[in-house]
Protein backbone atom coordinates (compact mmCIF):
# COMPACT_ATOMS: atom_id res chain seq x y z
CA UNK A 1 -79.83 -71.10 -124.64
CA UNK A 2 -77.88 -71.69 -127.84
CA UNK A 3 -76.96 -67.99 -127.92
CA UNK A 4 -75.99 -68.02 -124.23
CA UNK A 5 -73.56 -70.94 -124.61
CA UNK A 6 -71.05 -68.77 -126.49
CA UNK A 7 -68.16 -70.86 -125.19
CA UNK A 8 -68.79 -73.49 -127.86
CA UNK A 9 -68.32 -71.07 -130.74
CA UNK A 10 -65.12 -69.62 -129.30
CA UNK A 11 -63.68 -73.01 -128.34
CA UNK A 12 -64.10 -74.18 -131.94
CA UNK A 13 -61.65 -71.54 -133.11
CA UNK A 14 -59.27 -72.44 -130.28
CA UNK A 15 -59.34 -76.11 -131.31
CA UNK A 16 -58.66 -75.22 -134.95
CA UNK A 17 -55.79 -72.95 -133.92
CA UNK A 18 -54.13 -75.72 -131.92
CA UNK A 19 -54.80 -78.29 -134.67
CA UNK A 20 -53.30 -76.20 -137.48
CA UNK A 21 -50.27 -75.25 -135.38
CA UNK A 22 -49.64 -78.87 -134.46
CA UNK A 23 -50.37 -80.34 -137.89
CA UNK A 24 -48.08 -77.99 -139.80
CA UNK A 25 -45.16 -78.29 -137.39
CA UNK A 26 -45.38 -82.05 -136.95
CA UNK A 27 -45.40 -82.32 -140.74
CA UNK A 28 -42.06 -80.49 -140.77
CA UNK A 29 -40.64 -82.84 -138.16
CA UNK A 30 -41.85 -85.90 -140.07
CA UNK A 31 -40.12 -84.53 -143.20
CA UNK A 32 -36.84 -84.32 -141.30
CA UNK A 33 -36.85 -80.60 -140.59
CA UNK A 34 -36.29 -78.93 -137.23
CA UNK A 35 -38.49 -76.47 -135.39
CA UNK A 36 -37.09 -72.98 -135.23
CA UNK A 37 -38.74 -71.41 -132.20
CA UNK A 38 -37.48 -67.94 -133.02
CA UNK A 39 -38.79 -68.15 -136.59
CA UNK A 40 -42.18 -69.47 -135.41
CA UNK A 41 -42.67 -66.56 -133.03
CA UNK A 42 -41.52 -63.91 -135.50
CA UNK A 43 -43.74 -65.22 -138.32
CA UNK A 44 -46.74 -65.34 -136.02
CA UNK A 45 -46.11 -61.80 -134.83
CA UNK A 46 -45.64 -60.45 -138.36
CA UNK A 47 -48.78 -62.19 -139.57
CA UNK A 48 -51.23 -60.77 -137.04
CA UNK A 49 -49.78 -57.56 -135.63
CA UNK A 50 -50.14 -55.00 -138.48
CA UNK A 51 -53.95 -55.24 -138.68
CA UNK A 52 -54.23 -55.20 -134.89
CA UNK A 53 -51.98 -52.16 -134.45
CA UNK A 54 -53.65 -50.24 -137.29
CA UNK A 55 -57.03 -50.60 -135.57
CA UNK A 56 -55.69 -49.60 -132.15
CA UNK A 57 -53.83 -46.60 -133.60
CA UNK A 58 -56.99 -45.54 -135.42
CA UNK A 59 -58.97 -45.67 -132.19
CA UNK A 60 -56.27 -43.85 -130.26
CA UNK A 61 -55.68 -41.01 -132.73
CA UNK A 62 -59.04 -40.63 -134.46
CA UNK A 63 -61.53 -42.26 -132.09
CA UNK A 64 -63.07 -38.98 -130.94
CA UNK A 65 -63.66 -37.98 -134.58
CA UNK A 66 -64.92 -41.37 -135.77
CA UNK A 67 -67.25 -42.26 -132.92
CA UNK A 68 -69.79 -39.44 -132.93
CA UNK A 69 -73.47 -39.17 -132.19
CA UNK A 70 -75.76 -39.47 -129.17
CA UNK A 71 -74.44 -42.90 -128.12
CA UNK A 72 -70.77 -42.02 -128.47
CA UNK A 73 -70.55 -40.82 -124.88
CA UNK A 74 -71.09 -44.40 -123.69
CA UNK A 75 -68.12 -45.67 -125.68
CA UNK A 76 -65.72 -43.04 -126.98
CA UNK A 77 -64.16 -41.51 -123.90
CA UNK A 78 -63.80 -44.80 -122.06
CA UNK A 79 -62.26 -47.07 -124.69
CA UNK A 80 -60.35 -44.41 -126.60
CA UNK A 81 -58.55 -43.40 -123.41
CA UNK A 82 -57.68 -47.04 -122.74
CA UNK A 83 -55.74 -47.11 -126.03
CA UNK A 84 -53.33 -44.42 -124.88
CA UNK A 85 -50.96 -47.13 -123.62
CA UNK A 86 -50.64 -48.96 -126.90
CA UNK A 87 -47.58 -50.94 -125.82
CA UNK A 88 -49.69 -53.51 -124.03
CA UNK A 89 -51.39 -54.25 -127.34
CA UNK A 90 -48.06 -54.35 -129.16
CA UNK A 91 -46.81 -57.04 -126.78
CA UNK A 92 -50.17 -58.87 -126.55
CA UNK A 93 -50.64 -58.44 -122.80
CA UNK A 94 -53.56 -56.00 -122.64
CA UNK A 95 -55.87 -58.75 -121.36
CA UNK A 96 -54.23 -58.43 -117.92
CA UNK A 97 -56.13 -55.16 -117.46
CA UNK A 98 -59.53 -56.85 -117.73
CA UNK A 99 -62.21 -56.54 -120.37
CA UNK A 100 -63.34 -53.13 -119.13
CA UNK A 101 -59.89 -51.56 -119.15
CA UNK A 102 -58.20 -53.05 -122.21
CA UNK A 103 -57.76 -51.33 -125.54
CA UNK A 104 -60.22 -52.70 -128.10
CA UNK A 105 -61.79 -55.58 -126.10
CA UNK A 106 -62.79 -57.57 -129.25
CA UNK A 107 -59.07 -58.40 -129.63
CA UNK A 108 -59.17 -60.63 -126.54
CA UNK A 109 -59.32 -63.82 -128.63
CA UNK A 110 -56.29 -62.79 -130.67
CA UNK A 111 -54.31 -61.97 -127.51
CA UNK A 112 -55.11 -65.19 -125.64
CA UNK A 113 -54.43 -67.22 -128.79
CA UNK A 114 -51.02 -65.57 -129.13
CA UNK A 115 -50.22 -66.35 -125.49
CA UNK A 116 -51.20 -69.99 -125.94
CA UNK A 117 -49.15 -70.17 -129.13
CA UNK A 118 -46.02 -69.32 -127.12
CA UNK A 119 -46.34 -72.71 -125.42
CA UNK A 120 -46.97 -74.72 -128.59
CA UNK A 121 -43.34 -75.24 -129.74
CA UNK A 122 -42.40 -76.70 -126.35
CA UNK A 123 -45.44 -79.00 -126.29
CA UNK A 124 -44.84 -80.16 -129.87
CA UNK A 125 -41.17 -80.82 -129.10
CA UNK A 126 -42.12 -82.83 -125.99
CA UNK A 127 -44.59 -84.93 -127.96
CA UNK A 128 -42.03 -85.51 -130.71
CA UNK A 129 -39.04 -86.43 -128.52
CA UNK A 130 -40.74 -88.17 -125.61
CA UNK A 131 -43.90 -89.56 -127.16
CA UNK A 132 -45.40 -91.45 -124.22
CA UNK A 133 -44.16 -89.06 -121.54
CA UNK A 134 -45.14 -86.04 -123.62
CA UNK A 135 -48.61 -87.47 -124.21
CA UNK A 136 -48.98 -88.21 -120.49
CA UNK A 137 -47.86 -84.67 -119.66
CA UNK A 138 -50.46 -83.11 -121.98
CA UNK A 139 -53.27 -85.31 -120.61
CA UNK A 140 -52.22 -84.52 -117.03
CA UNK A 141 -52.15 -80.81 -117.87
CA UNK A 142 -55.70 -81.02 -119.26
CA UNK A 143 -56.88 -82.70 -116.04
CA UNK A 144 -55.20 -80.07 -113.85
CA UNK A 145 -56.56 -77.19 -115.94
CA UNK A 146 -60.07 -78.68 -115.77
CA UNK A 147 -59.95 -78.85 -111.97
CA UNK A 148 -58.41 -75.37 -111.81
CA UNK A 149 -61.23 -73.87 -113.86
CA UNK A 150 -63.88 -75.60 -111.77
CA UNK A 151 -62.29 -74.29 -108.57
CA UNK A 152 -62.25 -70.71 -109.87
CA UNK A 153 -65.93 -70.90 -110.82
CA UNK A 154 -66.98 -72.55 -107.55
CA UNK A 155 -65.06 -70.41 -105.07
CA UNK A 156 -65.52 -67.18 -107.03
CA UNK A 157 -69.22 -67.76 -107.78
CA UNK A 158 -68.55 -66.73 -111.36
CA UNK A 159 -71.38 -67.01 -113.92
CA UNK A 160 -70.48 -69.39 -116.73
CA UNK A 161 -73.46 -68.27 -118.87
CA UNK A 162 -75.62 -65.16 -118.97
CA UNK A 163 -78.82 -65.49 -116.92
CA UNK A 164 -81.62 -63.28 -115.63
CA UNK A 165 -80.56 -61.20 -112.66
CA UNK A 166 -76.80 -61.46 -113.11
CA UNK A 167 -75.09 -58.13 -112.48
CA UNK A 168 -72.69 -56.46 -114.89
CA UNK A 169 -70.00 -56.55 -112.20
CA UNK A 170 -70.25 -60.35 -111.91
CA UNK A 171 -70.12 -60.72 -115.69
CA UNK A 172 -66.96 -58.60 -115.83
CA UNK A 173 -65.35 -60.57 -113.02
CA UNK A 174 -66.25 -63.85 -114.69
CA UNK A 175 -65.02 -62.62 -118.05
CA UNK A 176 -61.69 -61.52 -116.59
CA UNK A 177 -61.13 -64.75 -114.68
CA UNK A 178 -62.46 -67.24 -117.23
CA UNK A 179 -62.58 -65.63 -120.67
CA UNK A 180 -59.40 -63.53 -120.67
CA UNK A 181 -57.28 -65.97 -118.68
CA UNK A 182 -55.35 -68.11 -121.20
CA UNK A 183 -55.05 -70.94 -118.68
CA UNK A 184 -58.81 -71.38 -118.76
CA UNK A 185 -58.79 -71.38 -122.57
CA UNK A 186 -55.94 -73.87 -122.87
CA UNK A 187 -57.88 -77.16 -122.69
CA UNK A 188 -59.40 -76.99 -126.23
CA UNK A 189 -56.04 -75.76 -127.55
CA UNK A 190 -54.20 -78.76 -126.08
CA UNK A 191 -56.78 -81.16 -127.54
CA UNK A 192 -56.29 -79.52 -130.92
CA UNK A 193 -52.53 -80.02 -130.58
CA UNK A 194 -53.09 -83.69 -129.76
CA UNK A 195 -55.30 -84.16 -132.82
CA UNK A 196 -52.60 -82.71 -135.08
CA UNK A 197 -50.11 -85.06 -133.41
CA UNK A 198 -52.37 -88.05 -134.14
CA UNK A 199 -52.80 -87.04 -137.77
CA UNK A 200 -49.05 -86.92 -138.45
CA UNK A 201 -47.48 -89.45 -136.12
CA UNK A 202 -50.11 -92.17 -136.27
CA UNK A 203 -50.78 -91.70 -140.02
CA UNK A 204 -54.53 -92.20 -139.70
CA UNK A 205 -55.52 -90.77 -143.07
CA UNK A 206 -56.54 -94.18 -144.38
CA UNK A 207 -57.77 -95.53 -141.05
CA UNK A 208 -61.20 -97.11 -141.29
CA UNK A 209 -63.65 -97.79 -138.50
CA UNK A 210 -66.49 -100.27 -138.52
CA UNK A 211 -70.04 -99.01 -138.95
CA UNK A 212 -70.78 -99.90 -135.32
CA UNK A 213 -67.82 -97.83 -134.09
CA UNK A 214 -68.83 -94.91 -136.29
CA UNK A 215 -72.41 -94.99 -135.03
CA UNK A 216 -71.27 -95.11 -131.41
CA UNK A 217 -68.83 -92.27 -132.03
CA UNK A 218 -71.46 -90.06 -133.63
CA UNK A 219 -73.92 -90.88 -130.86
CA UNK A 220 -71.41 -89.86 -128.19
CA UNK A 221 -70.57 -86.71 -130.16
CA UNK A 222 -74.24 -85.71 -130.37
CA UNK A 223 -74.64 -86.22 -126.61
CA UNK A 224 -71.56 -84.08 -125.98
CA UNK A 225 -72.89 -81.32 -128.22
CA UNK A 226 -76.26 -81.44 -126.53
CA UNK A 227 -74.79 -81.04 -123.05
CA UNK A 228 -72.38 -78.33 -124.20
CA UNK A 229 -75.34 -76.26 -125.39
CA UNK A 230 -78.11 -77.25 -123.00
CA UNK A 231 -76.26 -78.32 -119.86
CA UNK A 232 -77.42 -75.12 -118.18
CA UNK A 233 -80.66 -74.67 -120.11
CA UNK A 234 -82.39 -73.58 -116.89
CA UNK A 235 -80.39 -70.33 -117.10
CA UNK A 236 -82.72 -69.16 -119.89
CA UNK A 237 -85.64 -69.04 -117.47
CA UNK A 238 -86.43 -66.01 -115.33
CA UNK A 239 -86.81 -68.26 -112.29
CA UNK A 240 -83.22 -69.52 -112.57
CA UNK A 241 -81.24 -69.56 -109.33
CA UNK A 242 -77.45 -69.55 -109.58
CA UNK A 243 -75.73 -72.68 -108.27
CA UNK A 244 -71.95 -72.63 -107.88
CA UNK A 245 -71.64 -76.42 -108.02
CA UNK A 246 -73.73 -76.76 -111.19
CA UNK A 247 -71.82 -73.91 -112.85
CA UNK A 248 -68.49 -75.48 -111.87
CA UNK A 249 -69.49 -78.87 -113.28
CA UNK A 250 -70.66 -77.30 -116.53
CA UNK A 251 -67.52 -75.13 -116.72
CA UNK A 252 -65.30 -78.20 -116.36
CA UNK A 253 -67.26 -80.52 -118.65
CA UNK A 254 -68.17 -78.13 -121.48
CA UNK A 255 -64.68 -77.63 -123.01
CA UNK A 256 -63.90 -81.36 -122.79
CA UNK A 257 -67.18 -82.52 -124.32
CA UNK A 258 -67.35 -79.86 -127.01
CA UNK A 259 -63.71 -80.38 -127.95
CA UNK A 260 -64.23 -84.13 -128.24
CA UNK A 261 -67.23 -83.59 -130.52
CA UNK A 262 -65.35 -81.17 -132.77
CA UNK A 263 -62.27 -83.41 -132.86
CA UNK A 264 -64.53 -86.33 -133.82
CA UNK A 265 -66.03 -84.34 -136.70
CA UNK A 266 -62.56 -83.30 -137.91
CA UNK A 267 -61.19 -86.84 -137.54
CA UNK A 268 -63.99 -88.49 -139.50
CA UNK A 269 -63.72 -85.87 -142.25
CA UNK A 270 -59.93 -86.24 -142.42
CA UNK A 271 -60.17 -90.03 -142.72
CA UNK A 272 -62.91 -89.77 -145.37
CA UNK A 273 -65.55 -91.42 -143.21
CA UNK A 274 -67.99 -88.52 -143.36
CA UNK A 275 -68.07 -87.75 -147.06
CA UNK A 276 -71.12 -85.48 -147.13
CA UNK A 277 -69.96 -83.38 -144.21
CA UNK A 278 -66.41 -83.28 -145.56
CA UNK A 279 -67.61 -82.06 -148.97
CA UNK A 280 -69.81 -79.46 -147.30
CA UNK A 281 -66.98 -78.11 -145.14
CA UNK A 282 -64.58 -78.23 -148.12
CA UNK A 283 -66.65 -75.76 -150.12
CA UNK A 284 -64.34 -73.45 -152.08
CA UNK A 285 -66.23 -70.42 -150.85
CA UNK A 286 -64.77 -71.03 -147.38
CA UNK A 287 -61.30 -71.00 -148.91
CA UNK A 288 -61.96 -67.63 -150.51
CA UNK A 289 -63.36 -66.18 -147.28
CA UNK A 290 -60.38 -67.50 -145.31
CA UNK A 291 -58.21 -64.94 -147.12
CA UNK A 292 -60.10 -62.12 -145.42
CA UNK A 293 -61.34 -63.94 -142.31
CA UNK A 294 -58.79 -62.41 -139.93
CA UNK A 295 -59.36 -58.76 -140.98
CA UNK A 296 -63.11 -59.44 -140.96
CA UNK A 297 -62.93 -60.69 -137.37
CA UNK A 298 -60.90 -57.67 -136.23
CA UNK A 299 -62.92 -55.04 -138.12
CA UNK A 300 -66.51 -56.17 -137.68
CA UNK A 301 -66.96 -54.88 -134.10
CA UNK A 302 -65.12 -51.67 -134.95
CA UNK A 303 -67.51 -51.01 -137.86
CA UNK A 304 -70.53 -51.93 -135.72
CA UNK A 305 -69.46 -49.44 -133.06
CA UNK A 306 -69.06 -46.72 -135.68
CA UNK A 307 -72.56 -47.34 -137.06
CA UNK A 308 -74.17 -47.65 -133.63
CA UNK A 309 -72.60 -44.52 -132.15
CA UNK A 310 -73.44 -42.50 -135.27
CA UNK A 311 -77.12 -43.44 -135.16
CA UNK A 312 -79.27 -40.32 -134.69
CA UNK A 313 -82.64 -42.02 -134.19
CA UNK A 314 -83.84 -45.09 -132.29
CA UNK A 315 -83.82 -48.35 -134.22
CA UNK A 316 -86.57 -50.91 -133.81
CA UNK A 317 -84.84 -54.28 -133.47
CA UNK A 318 -86.30 -57.23 -135.35
CA UNK A 319 -84.95 -60.58 -136.44
CA UNK A 320 -84.32 -59.25 -139.94
CA UNK A 321 -82.67 -56.03 -138.73
CA UNK A 322 -79.92 -58.09 -137.08
CA UNK A 323 -78.70 -59.00 -140.57
CA UNK A 324 -77.94 -55.60 -142.05
CA UNK A 325 -76.80 -56.11 -145.65
CA UNK A 326 -75.13 -52.69 -145.77
CA UNK A 327 -73.17 -53.50 -142.63
CA UNK A 328 -72.12 -56.90 -143.98
CA UNK A 329 -70.95 -55.43 -147.29
CA UNK A 330 -69.06 -52.70 -145.47
CA UNK A 331 -67.29 -55.30 -143.34
CA UNK A 332 -66.44 -57.39 -146.39
CA UNK A 333 -65.12 -54.39 -148.33
CA UNK A 334 -62.98 -53.16 -145.44
CA UNK A 335 -61.67 -56.69 -144.87
CA UNK A 336 -60.60 -57.02 -148.51
CA UNK A 337 -58.74 -53.70 -148.32
CA UNK A 338 -56.99 -54.61 -145.07
CA UNK A 339 -56.09 -58.03 -146.42
CA UNK A 340 -54.54 -56.52 -149.55
CA UNK A 341 -52.67 -53.89 -147.55
CA UNK A 342 -51.54 -55.66 -144.39
CA UNK A 343 -51.97 -59.43 -144.73
CA UNK A 344 -51.10 -60.67 -148.21
CA UNK A 345 -47.97 -58.50 -148.69
CA UNK A 346 -46.47 -59.96 -145.52
CA UNK A 347 -46.81 -63.51 -146.82
CA UNK A 348 -43.64 -62.96 -148.84
CA UNK A 349 -41.74 -62.21 -145.65
CA UNK A 350 -43.01 -65.29 -143.83
CA UNK A 351 -42.37 -67.44 -146.91
CA UNK A 352 -38.80 -66.14 -147.09
CA UNK A 353 -38.31 -67.05 -143.43
CA UNK A 354 -39.45 -70.58 -144.25
CA UNK A 355 -36.90 -70.79 -147.02
CA UNK A 356 -39.48 -70.86 -149.81
CA UNK A 357 -38.12 -67.70 -151.34
CA UNK A 358 -34.41 -66.92 -151.45
CA UNK A 359 -32.10 -64.75 -153.47
CA UNK A 360 -30.31 -67.82 -154.74
CA UNK A 361 -33.48 -69.42 -156.04
CA UNK A 362 -34.49 -66.16 -157.70
CA UNK A 363 -31.09 -65.90 -159.39
CA UNK A 364 -31.40 -69.48 -160.64
CA UNK A 365 -34.84 -68.70 -162.11
CA UNK A 366 -33.44 -65.60 -163.84
CA UNK A 367 -30.57 -67.62 -165.32
CA UNK A 368 -32.98 -70.29 -166.56
CA UNK A 369 -35.20 -67.71 -168.26
CA UNK A 370 -32.18 -65.97 -169.79
CA UNK A 371 -30.81 -69.25 -171.13
CA UNK A 372 -34.19 -70.20 -172.59
CA UNK A 373 -34.47 -66.82 -174.28
CA UNK A 374 -30.97 -67.18 -175.76
CA UNK A 375 -31.84 -70.64 -177.08
CA UNK A 376 -34.99 -69.32 -178.71
CA UNK A 377 -33.11 -66.47 -180.40
CA UNK A 378 -30.45 -68.90 -181.66
CA UNK A 379 -33.15 -71.17 -183.10
CA UNK A 380 -34.76 -68.21 -184.84
CA UNK A 381 -31.39 -67.13 -186.30
CA UNK A 382 -30.68 -70.62 -187.61
CA UNK A 383 -34.10 -70.89 -189.23
CA UNK A 384 -33.70 -67.49 -190.86
């Protein structure tokens, strides 16, 4: 069941996306700066688009040459042809076509995250200017979105998890309505925005809770995690019978409970009340991997498809074969190359847009170095 409840893994990234967006921008507001909506959108677009477009162009122009082998017929013609209209990917709207008709379906998370990001400056501004009313508006939006998602699941009979007997058509319909619809992904994002708001506005870094409060909080978090994973544990049995009401309840409760648990973990780590967990999650290796995490996410499925479609013989699947060291190293190597080519060079552009790098500052640095060099030469001349 842990592998079936994939929502939890995806929602974690959505929470972190909302948290980082909120935390960084509220920090600017606290420091007396203003939000530049135009600059926020442009920097976001520059940061993520080059890698995305390079992959889609590769599939469009070279897909028939890259994806070869006996299994290519199940993939190549269908998804390569869907990349002919690349403009939907350029403008991050290809999810409207559905998972079966969009170019490079693994990009769905990037697309929905970009669409949710478009709302973030307005939400942050509302929370900053009208604190109580903005907070009430966000909470009300979460309640409405929760009911909306439950209604879609109940009246559409959409599967919220994979179970025995579910048809591919129902999975596609559920994926299009629930997974690719940014409105149904917005609840964890809003909770992440609220957590970033609390960190900056309330200044909780040195907030301390009593041991009783901490124990209660961790107990509630564990219960939330348990339900988020095992709320529909019956779906793992072959005798499972789909129930619209049970699926709707799970679909409404899961993002709220899982988001609370993750926000609790982040909050306790941020306030230094979970030292062991904070030290574990602060491992420097994660910092190194974060430099290539985005290219790794975008390239891993592409590389898997290339290896799968090029396979000439059947492969016997075992637990150990799922962790192919050659595949992992290939993904890491390709991610490093893409990061060096399309991610790190663009940081200078985004930094310049933030005002960190300017021609004036560069000129001042040049003058300082020139003056220091002249002083050193004068000292040498006087000593000689």
